[in-house]
Amino acid sequence: MNGRFAISMHILTLLAKAKGEWVTSDFIAGSININPVLVRKEISNLRKKGLVVSREGKNGGTMLAKPATQVRVSDVFLATRQGTVLGSARNSPNPDCPVGRQINRHLDSLYQEAEEALIRNLGTSTLADFVHRFD
């Protein structure tokens, strides 16, 4: 996993718990204990992916773009993904070896299957399900 997924889940959980109120990036940054600039960067990404809406100004902030029951955890994972979960097989094994000449292709297939299984599993729960863990 990457840090962006954790930050985004934290942001979305705070927004879900705010129940439709605008939440400032400063408040979110204080909860996550990171720089507000990093929070705004993630909010921008979540906005592009249709998960949040934002408004600027004195009464500005961010809120969920749709109910937490309609946001799948897999949506968050896909919105923050930075490459494959297990990486990719890019070593240069011996092409004369029966294993070496095939290993990268088979590892890539294995990695793809693992990522698809993870996305399927994350798709079985919603942001609302996750937020209920905090009650």
C-alpha atoms as a PDB file:
ATOM      1  CA  MET A   1       0.000   0.000   0.000  1.00  0.00           C
ATOM      2  CA  ASN A   2       1.011   3.575  -0.280  1.00  0.00           C
ATOM      3  CA  GLY A   3       0.748   6.514   2.086  1.00  0.00           C
ATOM      4  CA  ARG A   4      -1.744   8.252  -0.199  1.00  0.00           C
ATOM      5  CA  PHE A   5      -4.347   5.539   0.444  1.00  0.00           C
ATOM      6  CA  ALA A   6      -4.021   5.951   4.223  1.00  0.00           C
ATOM      7  CA  ILE A   7      -4.191   9.756   3.992  1.00  0.00           C
ATOM      8  CA  SER A   8      -7.221   9.607   1.700  1.00  0.00           C
ATOM      9  CA  MET A   9      -9.038   7.130   3.946  1.00  0.00           C
ATOM     10  CA  HIS A  10      -8.341   9.443   6.899  1.00  0.00           C
ATOM     11  CA  ILE A  11      -9.675  12.461   4.964  1.00  0.00           C
ATOM     12  CA  LEU A  12     -12.791  10.617   3.793  1.00  0.00           C
ATOM     13  CA  THR A  13     -13.478   9.229   7.262  1.00  0.00           C
ATOM     14  CA  LEU A  14     -13.337  12.739   8.757  1.00  0.00           C
ATOM     15  CA  LEU A  15     -15.660  14.017   6.028  1.00  0.00           C
ATOM     16  CA  ALA A  16     -18.110  11.169   6.562  1.00  0.00           C
ATOM     17  CA  LYS A  17     -18.184  11.843  10.294  1.00  0.00           C
ATOM     18  CA  ALA A  18     -18.812  15.559   9.589  1.00  0.00           C
ATOM     19  CA  LYS A  19     -22.219  14.568   8.144  1.00  0.00           C
ATOM     20  CA  GLY A  20     -22.416  17.132   5.343  1.00  0.00           C
ATOM     21  CA  GLU A  21     -20.574  19.988   7.062  1.00  0.00           C
ATOM     22  CA  TRP A  22     -17.688  21.692   5.279  1.00  0.00           C
ATOM     23  CA  VAL A  23     -14.346  20.596   6.767  1.00  0.00           C
ATOM     24  CA  THR A  24     -11.226  22.738   6.364  1.00  0.00           C
ATOM     25  CA  SER A  25      -7.897  21.395   5.175  1.00  0.00           C
ATOM     26  CA  ASP A  26      -6.315  22.827   8.325  1.00  0.00           C
ATOM     27  CA  PHE A  27      -8.646  20.755  10.513  1.00  0.00           C
ATOM     28  CA  ILE A  28      -7.930  17.645   8.430  1.00  0.00           C
ATOM     29  CA  ALA A  29      -4.176  18.304   8.540  1.00  0.00           C
ATOM     30  CA  GLY A  30      -4.361  18.617  12.332  1.00  0.00           C
ATOM     31  CA  SER A  31      -6.071  15.246  12.599  1.00  0.00           C
ATOM     32  CA  ILE A  32      -3.621  13.493  10.285  1.00  0.00           C
ATOM     33  CA  ASN A  33      -0.701  15.480  11.725  1.00  0.00           C
ATOM     34  CA  ILE A  34       0.683  16.449   8.309  1.00  0.00           C
ATOM     35  CA  ASN A  35       1.181  19.679   6.380  1.00  0.00           C
ATOM     36  CA  PRO A  36      -2.054  21.217   5.012  1.00  0.00           C
ATOM     37  CA  VAL A  37      -0.401  21.435   1.575  1.00  0.00           C
ATOM     38  CA  LEU A  38      -0.268  17.611   1.449  1.00  0.00           C
ATOM     39  CA  VAL A  39      -3.909  17.463   2.511  1.00  0.00           C
ATOM     40  CA  ARG A  40      -4.921  19.892  -0.230  1.00  0.00           C
ATOM     41  CA  LYS A  41      -2.995  17.808  -2.778  1.00  0.00           C
ATOM     42  CA  GLU A  42      -4.904  14.669  -1.784  1.00  0.00           C
ATOM     43  CA  ILE A  43      -8.208  16.554  -1.692  1.00  0.00           C
ATOM     44  CA  SER A  44      -7.500  17.764  -5.235  1.00  0.00           C
ATOM     45  CA  ASN A  45      -6.963  14.176  -6.359  1.00  0.00           C
ATOM     46  CA  LEU A  46     -10.133  12.982  -4.568  1.00  0.00           C
ATOM     47  CA  ARG A  47     -12.073  15.834  -6.172  1.00  0.00           C
ATOM     48  CA  LYS A  48     -10.827  14.834  -9.654  1.00  0.00           C
ATOM     49  CA  LYS A  49     -11.974  11.279  -8.936  1.00  0.00           C
ATOM     50  CA  GLY A  50     -15.443  12.508  -7.920  1.00  0.00           C
ATOM     51  CA  LEU A  51     -15.196  11.500  -4.273  1.00  0.00           C
ATOM     52  CA  VAL A  52     -15.276  14.990  -2.693  1.00  0.00           C
ATOM     53  CA  VAL A  53     -16.412  18.519  -3.462  1.00  0.00           C
ATOM     54  CA  SER A  54     -14.690  21.656  -2.210  1.00  0.00           C
ATOM     55  CA  ARG A  55     -15.335  25.356  -1.974  1.00  0.00           C
ATOM     56  CA  GLU A  56     -12.924  28.175  -1.243  1.00  0.00           C
ATOM     57  CA  GLY A  57     -13.273  31.161   0.998  1.00  0.00           C
ATOM     58  CA  LYS A  58     -14.036  31.998   4.599  1.00  0.00           C
ATOM     59  CA  ASN A  59     -16.762  29.349   4.885  1.00  0.00           C
ATOM     60  CA  GLY A  60     -15.011  26.943   2.556  1.00  0.00           C
ATOM     61  CA  GLY A  61     -13.865  23.422   3.009  1.00  0.00           C
ATOM     62  CA  THR A  62     -14.454  19.955   1.663  1.00  0.00           C
ATOM     63  CA  MET A  63     -17.239  17.424   1.974  1.00  0.00           C
ATOM     64  CA  LEU A  64     -18.098  14.054   0.462  1.00  0.00           C
ATOM     65  CA  ALA A  65     -19.473  14.237  -3.075  1.00  0.00           C
ATOM     66  CA  LYS A  66     -21.856  11.343  -2.335  1.00  0.00           C
ATOM     67  CA  PRO A  67     -23.016   9.381   0.710  1.00  0.00           C
ATOM     68  CA  ALA A  68     -20.387   7.230   2.413  1.00  0.00           C
ATOM     69  CA  THR A  69     -22.578   4.211   1.668  1.00  0.00           C
ATOM     70  CA  GLN A  70     -21.907   4.807  -2.040  1.00  0.00           C
ATOM     71  CA  VAL A  71     -18.106   5.050  -1.768  1.00  0.00           C
ATOM     72  CA  ARG A  72     -16.418   1.671  -1.995  1.00  0.00           C
ATOM     73  CA  VAL A  73     -13.030   1.260  -0.339  1.00  0.00           C
ATOM     74  CA  SER A  74     -11.822  -0.033  -3.714  1.00  0.00           C
ATOM     75  CA  ASP A  75     -12.757   3.374  -5.214  1.00  0.00           C
ATOM     76  CA  VAL A  76     -10.330   5.007  -2.778  1.00  0.00           C
ATOM     77  CA  PHE A  77      -7.640   2.446  -3.523  1.00  0.00           C
ATOM     78  CA  LEU A  78      -7.999   2.967  -7.274  1.00  0.00           C
ATOM     79  CA  ALA A  79      -8.023   6.757  -6.846  1.00  0.00           C
ATOM     80  CA  THR A  80      -4.725   6.686  -4.949  1.00  0.00           C
ATOM     81  CA  ARG A  81      -2.951   3.791  -6.656  1.00  0.00           C
ATOM     82  CA  GLN A  82       0.629   4.497  -7.700  1.00  0.00           C
ATOM     83  CA  GLY A  83       1.605   1.372  -9.578  1.00  0.00           C
ATOM     84  CA  THR A  84       0.994  -2.228  -8.671  1.00  0.00           C
ATOM     85  CA  VAL A  85       0.704  -3.527  -5.115  1.00  0.00           C
ATOM     86  CA  LEU A  86       3.566  -5.998  -5.357  1.00  0.00           C
ATOM     87  CA  GLY A  87       5.587  -4.008  -7.866  1.00  0.00           C
ATOM     88  CA  SER A  88       6.767  -5.591 -11.069  1.00  0.00           C
ATOM     89  CA  ALA A  89       9.297  -8.237 -11.954  1.00  0.00           C
ATOM     90  CA  ARG A  90      12.099  -6.442 -13.735  1.00  0.00           C
ATOM     91  CA  ASN A  91      15.174  -8.457 -12.990  1.00  0.00           C
ATOM     92  CA  SER A  92      17.200  -9.819 -15.919  1.00  0.00           C
ATOM     93  CA  PRO A  93      17.427 -13.561 -15.394  1.00  0.00           C
ATOM     94  CA  ASN A  94      19.395 -15.918 -17.607  1.00  0.00           C
ATOM     95  CA  PRO A  95      17.431 -16.456 -20.855  1.00  0.00           C
ATOM     96  CA  ASP A  96      19.104 -19.860 -21.287  1.00  0.00           C
ATOM     97  CA  CYS A  97      17.546 -21.127 -18.045  1.00  0.00           C
ATOM     98  CA  PRO A  98      14.075 -22.721 -18.392  1.00  0.00           C
ATOM     99  CA  VAL A  99      12.904 -20.812 -15.296  1.00  0.00           C
ATOM    100  CA  GLY A 100      14.855 -17.637 -16.031  1.00  0.00           C
ATOM    101  CA  ARG A 101      13.349 -17.114 -19.481  1.00  0.00           C
ATOM    102  CA  GLN A 102       9.769 -17.326 -18.135  1.00  0.00           C
ATOM    103  CA  ILE A 103       9.920 -16.004 -14.565  1.00  0.00           C
ATOM    104  CA  ASN A 104       9.109 -12.337 -15.257  1.00  0.00           C
ATOM    105  CA  ARG A 105       6.026 -13.182 -17.330  1.00  0.00           C
ATOM    106  CA  HIS A 106       4.690 -15.541 -14.651  1.00  0.00           C
ATOM    107  CA  LEU A 107       5.472 -13.134 -11.803  1.00  0.00           C
ATOM    108  CA  ASP A 108       3.677 -10.311 -13.650  1.00  0.00           C
ATOM    109  CA  SER A 109       0.633 -12.561 -14.016  1.00  0.00           C
ATOM    110  CA  LEU A 110       0.776 -13.511 -10.327  1.00  0.00           C
ATOM    111  CA  TYR A 111       1.040  -9.832  -9.318  1.00  0.00           C
ATOM    112  CA  GLN A 112      -1.929  -8.917 -11.523  1.00  0.00           C
ATOM    113  CA  GLU A 113      -4.056 -11.695  -9.988  1.00  0.00           C
ATOM    114  CA  ALA A 114      -3.137 -10.527  -6.467  1.00  0.00           C
ATOM    115  CA  GLU A 115      -4.061  -6.920  -7.255  1.00  0.00           C
ATOM    116  CA  GLU A 116      -7.390  -7.976  -8.787  1.00  0.00           C
ATOM    117  CA  ALA A 117      -8.164 -10.031  -5.655  1.00  0.00           C
ATOM    118  CA  LEU A 118      -7.328  -7.053  -3.433  1.00  0.00           C
ATOM    119  CA  ILE A 119      -9.564  -4.719  -5.444  1.00  0.00           C
ATOM    120  CA  ARG A 120     -12.417  -7.276  -5.343  1.00  0.00           C
ATOM    121  CA  ASN A 121     -12.017  -7.604  -1.568  1.00  0.00           C
ATOM    122  CA  LEU A 122     -11.889  -3.834  -0.990  1.00  0.00           C
ATOM    123  CA  GLY A 123     -14.971  -3.516  -3.188  1.00  0.00           C
ATOM    124  CA  THR A 124     -17.029  -5.505  -0.694  1.00  0.00           C
ATOM    125  CA  SER A 125     -16.969  -2.715   1.884  1.00  0.00           C
ATOM    126  CA  THR A 126     -17.898   0.934   1.806  1.00  0.00           C
ATOM    127  CA  LEU A 127     -16.552   4.048   3.454  1.00  0.00           C
ATOM    128  CA  ALA A 128     -19.614   3.882   5.722  1.00  0.00           C
ATOM    129  CA  ASP A 129     -18.613   0.369   6.832  1.00  0.00           C
ATOM    130  CA  PHE A 130     -15.141   1.671   7.655  1.00  0.00           C
ATOM    131  CA  VAL A 131     -16.477   4.728   9.505  1.00  0.00           C
ATOM    132  CA  HIS A 132     -18.642   2.495  11.720  1.00  0.00           C
ATOM    133  CA  ARG A 133     -15.438   1.101  13.220  1.00  0.00           C
ATOM    134  CA  PHE A 134     -14.976   4.483  14.940  1.00  0.00           C
ATOM    135  CA  ASP A 135     -18.347   4.563  16.734  1.00  0.00           C
END
